[in-house]
Amino acid sequence: MPPLEQLIPVSSSVSLHTILTTPAKTPLTNPAVVLLHFWGGSNHTYQPLITHLSRDFPIIVPSLRGWGTSSRPPDAEAYRTADYATDIIALLHTLSSDYPKVFANGVILVGHSMGAKIVQFMLTQKYQLPSFVRIKGLVLLAPAPAGSFSLPPAMKEQQVHAYDTAASAEFVARKVLFETPGAVDDTIVEELVTDAIAGSKGARVAWPEYGMSEELRGEVARAVRDHREREGALRVLVVVGELDVVETVASVMERTVNELSASGATVEVHIIPGIGHLSPVEAPRVVADAIRSFLV
């Protein structure tokens, strides 16, 4: 099947711009990989990773509501974790109906930063998926925790306006997301800036205003325990950059790895030396190899 790139309706008011690729070889033997991007990104953020994974795995990559060319709900309260998750579940319903063979071997949910919080919450909604679409595991890249995190007021205000202008977005990219000067080409930084400032105002503001402070630990813990009782221990791969200052190694270990392990998940951790927050962009081959090793 040739690669598809289209707007797919997920509700009466929201459509998600989605990329779907499948390996040339048949029959398909590996699970489909669903990639959810970070706050400020789009499905374009994952292009380098898609290149490294698409030969072996079906790949599904939406731009979340408010980002890329997906729909932009005007309601400022329409960008909660549950809203994003509901969209993705509806998307998987549509795609599994149109392309059932893509889902024959289950799905791996991959989330980066904010996308990782969405992925964890999706586990709580797995019974809303078609019965034959089985979640085989989670891959969390520089994950935001399922628990609440509140920024100091001054930092929160800075984050709310981080993507207001090209200059502010470039500052975030160069000084926060990439810890090493010159980590990527200027062209890649320009693409990231374009994505960030193109997001709807609601989407740009929602994560620092209320998204990161949503408390979902209890729900996620119950879902992990339920998965263990019904299907065996949930497998989780956590990938974090050694130099990440957004989701530090220490924070990820305490607030994500330990929380999931305590609930009964089997968690593998891969720390990438010399890398900051945007590992799918800065080190796509390393991330792809970690995912491939985890899945095969």
C-alpha atoms as a PDB file:
ATOM      1  CA  MET A   1       0.000   0.000   0.000  1.00  0.00           C
ATOM      2  CA  PRO A   2       1.498   3.407  -0.940  1.00  0.00           C
ATOM      3  CA  PRO A   3       1.930   5.990   1.850  1.00  0.00           C
ATOM      4  CA  LEU A   4      -1.190   7.958   2.677  1.00  0.00           C
ATOM      5  CA  GLU A   5      -1.373  11.533   3.934  1.00  0.00           C
ATOM      6  CA  GLN A   6      -4.826  12.954   4.540  1.00  0.00           C
ATOM      7  CA  LEU A   7      -7.233  14.709   6.883  1.00  0.00           C
ATOM      8  CA  ILE A   8      -9.280  12.076   8.705  1.00  0.00           C
ATOM      9  CA  PRO A   9     -12.462  13.087  10.592  1.00  0.00           C
ATOM     10  CA  VAL A  10     -12.495  11.924  14.208  1.00  0.00           C
ATOM     11  CA  SER A  11     -15.619  13.832  15.278  1.00  0.00           C
ATOM     12  CA  SER A  12     -18.158  16.216  13.812  1.00  0.00           C
ATOM     13  CA  SER A  13     -15.767  19.128  14.349  1.00  0.00           C
ATOM     14  CA  VAL A  14     -12.247  17.695  14.368  1.00  0.00           C
ATOM     15  CA  SER A  15     -10.135  16.103  11.646  1.00  0.00           C
ATOM     16  CA  LEU A  16      -6.531  14.986  12.104  1.00  0.00           C
ATOM     17  CA  HIS A  17      -3.896  15.290   9.419  1.00  0.00           C
ATOM     18  CA  THR A  18      -2.484  11.764   9.413  1.00  0.00           C
ATOM     19  CA  ILE A  19       0.400   9.955   7.762  1.00  0.00           C
ATOM     20  CA  LEU A  20       0.081   6.192   7.267  1.00  0.00           C
ATOM     21  CA  THR A  21       2.888   4.084   5.849  1.00  0.00           C
ATOM     22  CA  THR A  22       3.190   0.303   5.568  1.00  0.00           C
ATOM     23  CA  PRO A  23       6.205  -1.896   4.780  1.00  0.00           C
ATOM     24  CA  ALA A  24       6.523  -3.148   1.214  1.00  0.00           C
ATOM     25  CA  LYS A  25       6.949  -6.731   2.372  1.00  0.00           C
ATOM     26  CA  THR A  26       3.835  -8.785   3.095  1.00  0.00           C
ATOM     27  CA  PRO A  27       2.308 -10.289   5.082  1.00  0.00           C
ATOM     28  CA  LEU A  28       2.743  -7.760   7.872  1.00  0.00           C
ATOM     29  CA  THR A  29       4.320  -9.399  10.914  1.00  0.00           C
ATOM     30  CA  ASN A  30       5.054  -6.488  13.275  1.00  0.00           C
ATOM     31  CA  PRO A  31       2.715  -4.298  15.316  1.00  0.00           C
ATOM     32  CA  ALA A  32       1.654  -0.906  14.004  1.00  0.00           C
ATOM     33  CA  VAL A  33       3.513   2.007  15.582  1.00  0.00           C
ATOM     34  CA  VAL A  34       1.425   5.061  16.521  1.00  0.00           C
ATOM     35  CA  LEU A  35       3.527   8.200  17.035  1.00  0.00           C
ATOM     36  CA  LEU A  36       2.211  11.168  19.065  1.00  0.00           C
ATOM     37  CA  HIS A  37       4.277  14.362  19.002  1.00  0.00           C
ATOM     38  CA  PHE A  38       5.379  16.836  21.650  1.00  0.00           C
ATOM     39  CA  TRP A  39       3.889  20.218  22.595  1.00  0.00           C
ATOM     40  CA  GLY A  40       4.868  22.508  19.734  1.00  0.00           C
ATOM     41  CA  GLY A  41       5.351  19.777  17.148  1.00  0.00           C
ATOM     42  CA  SER A  42       3.314  18.041  14.458  1.00  0.00           C
ATOM     43  CA  ASN A  43       3.488  14.769  12.576  1.00  0.00           C
ATOM     44  CA  HIS A  44       6.318  16.384  10.587  1.00  0.00           C
ATOM     45  CA  THR A  45       8.467  16.204  13.757  1.00  0.00           C
ATOM     46  CA  TYR A  46       8.625  12.437  13.309  1.00  0.00           C
ATOM     47  CA  GLN A  47       9.775  12.398   9.668  1.00  0.00           C
ATOM     48  CA  PRO A  48      13.361  11.360  10.565  1.00  0.00           C
ATOM     49  CA  LEU A  49      12.073   8.537  12.775  1.00  0.00           C
ATOM     50  CA  ILE A  50       9.551   7.411  10.157  1.00  0.00           C
ATOM     51  CA  THR A  51      12.430   7.016   7.708  1.00  0.00           C
ATOM     52  CA  HIS A  52      14.186   4.596  10.048  1.00  0.00           C
ATOM     53  CA  LEU A  53      11.116   2.559  11.092  1.00  0.00           C
ATOM     54  CA  SER A  54       8.840   2.401   8.054  1.00  0.00           C
ATOM     55  CA  ARG A  55      10.670  -0.466   6.358  1.00  0.00           C
ATOM     56  CA  ASP A  56       9.718  -2.833   9.181  1.00  0.00           C
ATOM     57  CA  PHE A  57       6.568  -1.431  10.808  1.00  0.00           C
ATOM     58  CA  PRO A  58       3.246   0.084   9.788  1.00  0.00           C
ATOM     59  CA  ILE A  59       3.461   3.700  10.959  1.00  0.00           C
ATOM     60  CA  ILE A  60       0.526   5.961  11.940  1.00  0.00           C
ATOM     61  CA  VAL A  61       1.393   9.588  12.659  1.00  0.00           C
ATOM     62  CA  PRO A  62      -1.309  12.205  13.298  1.00  0.00           C
ATOM     63  CA  SER A  63      -0.873  15.853  14.032  1.00  0.00           C
ATOM     64  CA  LEU A  64      -2.768  16.408  17.267  1.00  0.00           C
ATOM     65  CA  ARG A  65      -5.708  18.816  17.333  1.00  0.00           C
ATOM     66  CA  GLY A  66      -4.507  22.410  17.112  1.00  0.00           C
ATOM     67  CA  TRP A  67      -1.156  21.460  15.560  1.00  0.00           C
ATOM     68  CA  GLY A  68       0.046  21.074  11.989  1.00  0.00           C
ATOM     69  CA  THR A  69      -2.877  21.148   9.596  1.00  0.00           C
ATOM     70  CA  SER A  70      -5.274  19.321  11.904  1.00  0.00           C
ATOM     71  CA  SER A  71      -8.481  21.028  13.079  1.00  0.00           C
ATOM     72  CA  ARG A  72      -8.165  23.886  15.546  1.00  0.00           C
ATOM     73  CA  PRO A  73     -11.057  23.909  18.054  1.00  0.00           C
ATOM     74  CA  PRO A  74     -11.693  27.499  19.203  1.00  0.00           C
ATOM     75  CA  ASP A  75     -12.612  26.510  22.767  1.00  0.00           C
ATOM     76  CA  ALA A  76      -9.615  27.199  25.025  1.00  0.00           C
ATOM     77  CA  GLU A  77     -10.611  24.199  27.178  1.00  0.00           C
ATOM     78  CA  ALA A  78     -10.616  21.751  24.251  1.00  0.00           C
ATOM     79  CA  TYR A  79      -6.988  20.640  24.587  1.00  0.00           C
ATOM     80  CA  ARG A  80      -7.041  18.376  27.626  1.00  0.00           C
ATOM     81  CA  THR A  81      -5.284  15.028  27.667  1.00  0.00           C
ATOM     82  CA  ALA A  82      -8.651  13.269  27.387  1.00  0.00           C
ATOM     83  CA  ASP A  83      -9.558  15.343  24.304  1.00  0.00           C
ATOM     84  CA  TYR A  84      -6.363  14.325  22.544  1.00  0.00           C
ATOM     85  CA  ALA A  85      -6.815  10.679  23.553  1.00  0.00           C
ATOM     86  CA  THR A  86     -10.429  10.604  22.360  1.00  0.00           C
ATOM     87  CA  ASP A  87      -9.308  11.891  18.969  1.00  0.00           C
ATOM     88  CA  ILE A  88      -6.668   9.186  18.615  1.00  0.00           C
ATOM     89  CA  ILE A  89      -9.063   6.414  19.638  1.00  0.00           C
ATOM     90  CA  ALA A  90     -11.549   7.610  17.002  1.00  0.00           C
ATOM     91  CA  LEU A  91      -8.731   7.770  14.444  1.00  0.00           C
ATOM     92  CA  LEU A  92      -7.762   4.164  15.187  1.00  0.00           C
ATOM     93  CA  HIS A  93     -11.392   3.116  14.803  1.00  0.00           C
ATOM     94  CA  THR A  94     -11.482   4.601  11.319  1.00  0.00           C
ATOM     95  CA  LEU A  95      -8.109   3.273  10.217  1.00  0.00           C
ATOM     96  CA  SER A  96      -8.716  -0.223  11.612  1.00  0.00           C
ATOM     97  CA  SER A  97     -11.982  -0.363   9.681  1.00  0.00           C
ATOM     98  CA  ASP A  98     -10.361   0.787   6.439  1.00  0.00           C
ATOM     99  CA  TYR A  99      -7.056  -1.092   6.822  1.00  0.00           C
ATOM    100  CA  PRO A 100      -7.612  -4.032   9.200  1.00  0.00           C
ATOM    101  CA  LYS A 101      -4.426  -5.845   8.145  1.00  0.00           C
ATOM    102  CA  VAL A 102      -2.351  -2.951   9.514  1.00  0.00           C
ATOM    103  CA  PHE A 103      -3.664  -3.762  13.006  1.00  0.00           C
ATOM    104  CA  ALA A 104      -3.455  -7.558  12.815  1.00  0.00           C
ATOM    105  CA  ASN A 105      -0.411  -7.665  15.097  1.00  0.00           C
ATOM    106  CA  GLY A 106      -1.581  -5.048  17.594  1.00  0.00           C
ATOM    107  CA  VAL A 107      -0.289  -1.529  18.180  1.00  0.00           C
ATOM    108  CA  ILE A 108       2.590   0.086  20.007  1.00  0.00           C
ATOM    109  CA  LEU A 109       1.751   3.552  21.311  1.00  0.00           C
ATOM    110  CA  VAL A 110       4.696   5.947  21.153  1.00  0.00           C
ATOM    111  CA  GLY A 111       4.516   9.382  22.767  1.00  0.00           C
ATOM    112  CA  HIS A 112       7.076  12.161  23.026  1.00  0.00           C
ATOM    113  CA  SER A 113       6.929  14.535  26.017  1.00  0.00           C
ATOM    114  CA  MET A 114       3.278  15.745  26.119  1.00  0.00           C
ATOM    115  CA  GLY A 115       2.491  12.922  23.696  1.00  0.00           C
ATOM    116  CA  ALA A 116       3.753  10.450  26.308  1.00  0.00           C
ATOM    117  CA  LYS A 117       1.214  11.707  28.845  1.00  0.00           C
ATOM    118  CA  ILE A 118      -1.500  11.193  26.217  1.00  0.00           C
ATOM    119  CA  VAL A 119      -0.225   7.674  25.501  1.00  0.00           C
ATOM    120  CA  GLN A 120      -0.298   6.752  29.186  1.00  0.00           C
ATOM    121  CA  PHE A 121      -3.848   8.040  29.486  1.00  0.00           C
ATOM    122  CA  MET A 122      -4.889   6.109  26.364  1.00  0.00           C
ATOM    123  CA  LEU A 123      -4.175   2.927  28.278  1.00  0.00           C
ATOM    124  CA  THR A 124      -7.089   3.861  30.551  1.00  0.00           C
ATOM    125  CA  GLN A 125      -9.332   4.046  27.487  1.00  0.00           C
ATOM    126  CA  LYS A 126      -8.220   0.859  25.754  1.00  0.00           C
ATOM    127  CA  TYR A 127     -11.650  -0.771  26.007  1.00  0.00           C
ATOM    128  CA  GLN A 128     -12.923   2.017  23.762  1.00  0.00           C
ATOM    129  CA  LEU A 129     -10.742   0.629  20.967  1.00  0.00           C
ATOM    130  CA  PRO A 130     -12.013  -2.024  18.534  1.00  0.00           C
ATOM    131  CA  SER A 131     -11.673  -5.409  20.203  1.00  0.00           C
ATOM    132  CA  PHE A 132      -9.040  -6.622  17.739  1.00  0.00           C
ATOM    133  CA  VAL A 133      -6.782  -3.565  18.208  1.00  0.00           C
ATOM    134  CA  ARG A 134      -4.593  -4.701  21.078  1.00  0.00           C
ATOM    135  CA  ILE A 135      -2.086  -2.451  22.814  1.00  0.00           C
ATOM    136  CA  LYS A 136       1.145  -4.468  22.846  1.00  0.00           C
ATOM    137  CA  GLY A 137       3.243  -1.903  24.702  1.00  0.00           C
ATOM    138  CA  LEU A 138       4.147   1.738  25.234  1.00  0.00           C
ATOM    139  CA  VAL A 139       7.232   3.681  24.172  1.00  0.00           C
ATOM    140  CA  LEU A 140       7.694   6.921  26.104  1.00  0.00           C
ATOM    141  CA  LEU A 141      10.241   9.408  24.748  1.00  0.00           C
ATOM    142  CA  ALA A 142      11.339  12.110  27.207  1.00  0.00           C
ATOM    143  CA  PRO A 143       7.981  11.523  28.876  1.00  0.00           C
ATOM    144  CA  ALA A 144       5.895  14.064  30.698  1.00  0.00           C
ATOM    145  CA  PRO A 145       4.598  12.228  33.778  1.00  0.00           C
ATOM    146  CA  ALA A 146       0.996  11.123  34.221  1.00  0.00           C
ATOM    147  CA  GLY A 147       0.970  13.032  37.494  1.00  0.00           C
ATOM    148  CA  SER A 148       0.420  16.737  38.014  1.00  0.00           C
ATOM    149  CA  PHE A 149       3.283  19.169  37.626  1.00  0.00           C
ATOM    150  CA  SER A 150       2.898  22.889  38.273  1.00  0.00           C
ATOM    151  CA  LEU A 151       5.407  25.492  37.140  1.00  0.00           C
ATOM    152  CA  PRO A 152       6.340  28.518  39.232  1.00  0.00           C
ATOM    153  CA  PRO A 153       4.231  31.515  38.100  1.00  0.00           C
ATOM    154  CA  ALA A 154       7.043  33.299  36.240  1.00  0.00           C
ATOM    155  CA  MET A 155       8.076  30.151  34.396  1.00  0.00           C
ATOM    156  CA  LYS A 156       4.471  29.322  33.586  1.00  0.00           C
ATOM    157  CA  GLU A 157       3.981  32.773  32.070  1.00  0.00           C
ATOM    158  CA  GLN A 158       7.117  32.269  30.001  1.00  0.00           C
ATOM    159  CA  GLN A 159       5.852  28.918  28.747  1.00  0.00           C
ATOM    160  CA  VAL A 160       2.440  30.347  27.840  1.00  0.00           C
ATOM    161  CA  HIS A 161       4.190  32.771  25.493  1.00  0.00           C
ATOM    162  CA  ALA A 162       6.985  30.439  24.356  1.00  0.00           C
ATOM    163  CA  TYR A 163       5.567  30.020  20.866  1.00  0.00           C
ATOM    164  CA  ASP A 164       4.093  33.491  20.358  1.00  0.00           C
ATOM    165  CA  THR A 165       6.732  34.568  17.855  1.00  0.00           C
ATOM    166  CA  ALA A 166       9.400  33.030  15.666  1.00  0.00           C
ATOM    167  CA  ALA A 167      12.073  34.620  17.857  1.00  0.00           C
ATOM    168  CA  SER A 168      10.677  33.172  21.100  1.00  0.00           C
ATOM    169  CA  ALA A 169      10.165  29.739  19.523  1.00  0.00           C
ATOM    170  CA  GLU A 170      13.714  29.718  18.155  1.00  0.00           C
ATOM    171  CA  PHE A 171      15.040  30.624  21.609  1.00  0.00           C
ATOM    172  CA  VAL A 172      13.171  27.648  23.103  1.00  0.00           C
ATOM    173  CA  ALA A 173      14.443  25.313  20.396  1.00  0.00           C
ATOM    174  CA  ARG A 174      18.074  26.343  20.627  1.00  0.00           C
ATOM    175  CA  LYS A 175      18.404  27.007  24.363  1.00  0.00           C
ATOM    176  CA  VAL A 176      15.971  24.517  25.918  1.00  0.00           C
ATOM    177  CA  LEU A 177      15.063  21.656  23.586  1.00  0.00           C
ATOM    178  CA  PHE A 178      18.571  21.143  22.179  1.00  0.00           C
ATOM    179  CA  GLU A 179      21.193  21.257  24.900  1.00  0.00           C
ATOM    180  CA  THR A 180      24.176  21.103  22.542  1.00  0.00           C
ATOM    181  CA  PRO A 181      24.827  24.131  20.269  1.00  0.00           C
ATOM    182  CA  GLY A 182      24.677  23.073  16.633  1.00  0.00           C
ATOM    183  CA  ALA A 183      23.036  19.754  17.543  1.00  0.00           C
ATOM    184  CA  VAL A 184      20.991  19.900  14.338  1.00  0.00           C
ATOM    185  CA  ASP A 185      21.082  21.891  11.101  1.00  0.00           C
ATOM    186  CA  ASP A 186      19.558  25.374  11.031  1.00  0.00           C
ATOM    187  CA  THR A 187      16.995  24.069   8.529  1.00  0.00           C
ATOM    188  CA  ILE A 188      15.633  21.659  11.131  1.00  0.00           C
ATOM    189  CA  VAL A 189      15.409  24.435  13.726  1.00  0.00           C
ATOM    190  CA  GLU A 190      13.513  26.576  11.210  1.00  0.00           C
ATOM    191  CA  GLU A 191      11.049  23.731  10.590  1.00  0.00           C
ATOM    192  CA  LEU A 192      10.497  23.304  14.331  1.00  0.00           C
ATOM    193  CA  VAL A 193       9.912  27.033  14.734  1.00  0.00           C
ATOM    194  CA  THR A 194       7.397  27.018  11.879  1.00  0.00           C
ATOM    195  CA  ASP A 195       5.485  24.156  13.502  1.00  0.00           C
ATOM    196  CA  ALA A 196       5.497  25.780  16.933  1.00  0.00           C
ATOM    197  CA  ILE A 197       4.184  29.205  15.930  1.00  0.00           C
ATOM    198  CA  ALA A 198       1.633  27.655  13.542  1.00  0.00           C
ATOM    199  CA  GLY A 199      -0.166  25.914  16.411  1.00  0.00           C
ATOM    200  CA  SER A 200      -3.533  27.327  17.391  1.00  0.00           C
ATOM    201  CA  LYS A 201      -3.528  29.714  20.345  1.00  0.00           C
ATOM    202  CA  GLY A 202      -5.583  27.235  22.366  1.00  0.00           C
ATOM    203  CA  ALA A 203      -3.094  24.433  21.750  1.00  0.00           C
ATOM    204  CA  ARG A 204      -0.052  26.611  22.423  1.00  0.00           C
ATOM    205  CA  VAL A 205      -1.422  27.853  25.750  1.00  0.00           C
ATOM    206  CA  ALA A 206      -3.204  24.737  27.021  1.00  0.00           C
ATOM    207  CA  TRP A 207      -0.202  22.618  27.994  1.00  0.00           C
ATOM    208  CA  PRO A 208       1.406  25.120  30.396  1.00  0.00           C
ATOM    209  CA  GLU A 209      -1.961  26.517  31.523  1.00  0.00           C
ATOM    210  CA  TYR A 210      -3.603  23.239  32.497  1.00  0.00           C
ATOM    211  CA  GLY A 211      -2.352  20.193  30.558  1.00  0.00           C
ATOM    212  CA  MET A 212       0.776  19.474  32.533  1.00  0.00           C
ATOM    213  CA  SER A 213      -1.074  19.958  35.832  1.00  0.00           C
ATOM    214  CA  GLU A 214      -3.733  17.318  35.103  1.00  0.00           C
ATOM    215  CA  GLU A 215      -3.483  14.551  37.707  1.00  0.00           C
ATOM    216  CA  LEU A 216      -3.848  11.175  35.971  1.00  0.00           C
ATOM    217  CA  ARG A 217      -1.603   8.906  38.036  1.00  0.00           C
ATOM    218  CA  GLY A 218      -4.406   6.987  39.731  1.00  0.00           C
ATOM    219  CA  GLU A 219      -6.207   6.225  36.502  1.00  0.00           C
ATOM    220  CA  VAL A 220      -3.008   5.151  34.751  1.00  0.00           C
ATOM    221  CA  ALA A 221      -1.947   2.967  37.687  1.00  0.00           C
ATOM    222  CA  ARG A 222      -5.313   1.185  37.689  1.00  0.00           C
ATOM    223  CA  ALA A 223      -5.073   0.622  33.928  1.00  0.00           C
ATOM    224  CA  VAL A 224      -1.569  -0.839  34.265  1.00  0.00           C
ATOM    225  CA  ARG A 225      -2.743  -3.193  37.016  1.00  0.00           C
ATOM    226  CA  ASP A 226      -5.769  -4.198  34.943  1.00  0.00           C
ATOM    227  CA  HIS A 227      -3.521  -4.962  31.984  1.00  0.00           C
ATOM    228  CA  ARG A 228      -1.321  -7.140  34.202  1.00  0.00           C
ATOM    229  CA  GLU A 229      -4.288  -9.105  35.526  1.00  0.00           C
ATOM    230  CA  ARG A 230      -5.867  -9.665  32.116  1.00  0.00           C
ATOM    231  CA  GLU A 231      -2.948  -9.836  29.675  1.00  0.00           C
ATOM    232  CA  GLY A 232       0.259  -9.989  31.685  1.00  0.00           C
ATOM    233  CA  ALA A 233       2.647  -7.206  32.629  1.00  0.00           C
ATOM    234  CA  LEU A 234       2.521  -4.187  30.337  1.00  0.00           C
ATOM    235  CA  ARG A 235       5.816  -3.689  28.509  1.00  0.00           C
ATOM    236  CA  VAL A 236       7.117  -0.125  28.468  1.00  0.00           C
ATOM    237  CA  LEU A 237      10.248   1.363  26.909  1.00  0.00           C
ATOM    238  CA  VAL A 238      11.351   4.744  28.278  1.00  0.00           C
ATOM    239  CA  VAL A 239      13.902   6.724  26.268  1.00  0.00           C
ATOM    240  CA  VAL A 240      15.435   9.899  27.678  1.00  0.00           C
ATOM    241  CA  GLY A 241      18.330  12.120  26.668  1.00  0.00           C
ATOM    242  CA  GLU A 242      21.200  12.395  29.118  1.00  0.00           C
ATOM    243  CA  LEU A 243      21.195  16.211  28.790  1.00  0.00           C
ATOM    244  CA  ASP A 244      17.426  16.771  28.761  1.00  0.00           C
ATOM    245  CA  VAL A 245      16.568  19.768  30.942  1.00  0.00           C
ATOM    246  CA  VAL A 246      12.816  19.574  30.293  1.00  0.00           C
ATOM    247  CA  GLU A 247      12.296  16.001  31.459  1.00  0.00           C
ATOM    248  CA  THR A 248      15.539  15.212  33.252  1.00  0.00           C
ATOM    249  CA  VAL A 249      16.763  11.673  33.729  1.00  0.00           C
ATOM    250  CA  ALA A 250      16.185  11.950  37.491  1.00  0.00           C
ATOM    251  CA  SER A 251      12.633  13.249  37.041  1.00  0.00           C
ATOM    252  CA  VAL A 252      11.758  10.603  34.452  1.00  0.00           C
ATOM    253  CA  MET A 253      13.057   7.848  36.709  1.00  0.00           C
ATOM    254  CA  GLU A 254      11.129   9.116  39.737  1.00  0.00           C
ATOM    255  CA  ARG A 255       7.866  10.263  38.160  1.00  0.00           C
ATOM    256  CA  THR A 256       7.424   7.846  35.254  1.00  0.00           C
ATOM    257  CA  VAL A 257       9.641   4.766  35.501  1.00  0.00           C
ATOM    258  CA  ASN A 258       9.124   4.181  39.230  1.00  0.00           C
ATOM    259  CA  GLU A 259       5.380   4.949  39.051  1.00  0.00           C
ATOM    260  CA  LEU A 260       4.786   2.496  36.197  1.00  0.00           C
ATOM    261  CA  SER A 261       7.007  -0.182  37.752  1.00  0.00           C
ATOM    262  CA  ALA A 262       5.179   0.111  41.073  1.00  0.00           C
ATOM    263  CA  SER A 263       1.889  -0.517  39.247  1.00  0.00           C
ATOM    264  CA  GLY A 264       3.206  -3.737  37.711  1.00  0.00           C
ATOM    265  CA  ALA A 265       4.599  -2.690  34.326  1.00  0.00           C
ATOM    266  CA  THR A 266       7.854  -4.115  33.016  1.00  0.00           C
ATOM    267  CA  VAL A 267       9.883  -1.016  32.194  1.00  0.00           C
ATOM    268  CA  GLU A 268      13.084  -0.815  30.154  1.00  0.00           C
ATOM    269  CA  VAL A 269      15.088   2.414  30.233  1.00  0.00           C
ATOM    270  CA  HIS A 270      17.365   3.681  27.479  1.00  0.00           C
ATOM    271  CA  ILE A 271      19.418   6.814  28.203  1.00  0.00           C
ATOM    272  CA  ILE A 272      20.953   8.429  25.122  1.00  0.00           C
ATOM    273  CA  PRO A 273      24.295  10.116  25.887  1.00  0.00           C
ATOM    274  CA  GLY A 274      24.787  13.724  24.823  1.00  0.00           C
ATOM    275  CA  ILE A 275      21.172  14.289  23.742  1.00  0.00           C
ATOM    276  CA  GLY A 276      18.558  16.797  24.951  1.00  0.00           C
ATOM    277  CA  HIS A 277      14.759  16.787  24.820  1.00  0.00           C
ATOM    278  CA  LEU A 278      14.153  16.190  21.099  1.00  0.00           C
ATOM    279  CA  SER A 279      15.661  12.731  20.668  1.00  0.00           C
ATOM    280  CA  PRO A 280      13.378  11.821  17.711  1.00  0.00           C
ATOM    281  CA  VAL A 281      14.895  14.774  15.844  1.00  0.00           C
ATOM    282  CA  GLU A 282      18.421  14.818  17.217  1.00  0.00           C
ATOM    283  CA  ALA A 283      19.054  11.057  17.306  1.00  0.00           C
ATOM    284  CA  PRO A 284      16.365   9.327  15.178  1.00  0.00           C
ATOM    285  CA  ARG A 285      18.522   6.321  14.323  1.00  0.00           C
ATOM    286  CA  VAL A 286      19.322   5.665  17.977  1.00  0.00           C
ATOM    287  CA  VAL A 287      15.652   6.007  18.938  1.00  0.00           C
ATOM    288  CA  ALA A 288      14.601   3.745  16.053  1.00  0.00           C
ATOM    289  CA  ASP A 289      17.142   1.094  17.055  1.00  0.00           C
ATOM    290  CA  ALA A 290      15.893   1.216  20.661  1.00  0.00           C
ATOM    291  CA  ILE A 291      12.287   0.807  19.515  1.00  0.00           C
ATOM    292  CA  ARG A 292      13.220  -1.990  17.117  1.00  0.00           C
ATOM    293  CA  SER A 293      15.114  -3.872  19.835  1.00  0.00           C
ATOM    294  CA  PHE A 294      12.160  -3.454  22.176  1.00  0.00           C
ATOM    295  CA  LEU A 295       9.664  -4.786  19.630  1.00  0.00           C
ATOM    296  CA  VAL A 296      11.462  -7.661  17.921  1.00  0.00           C
END
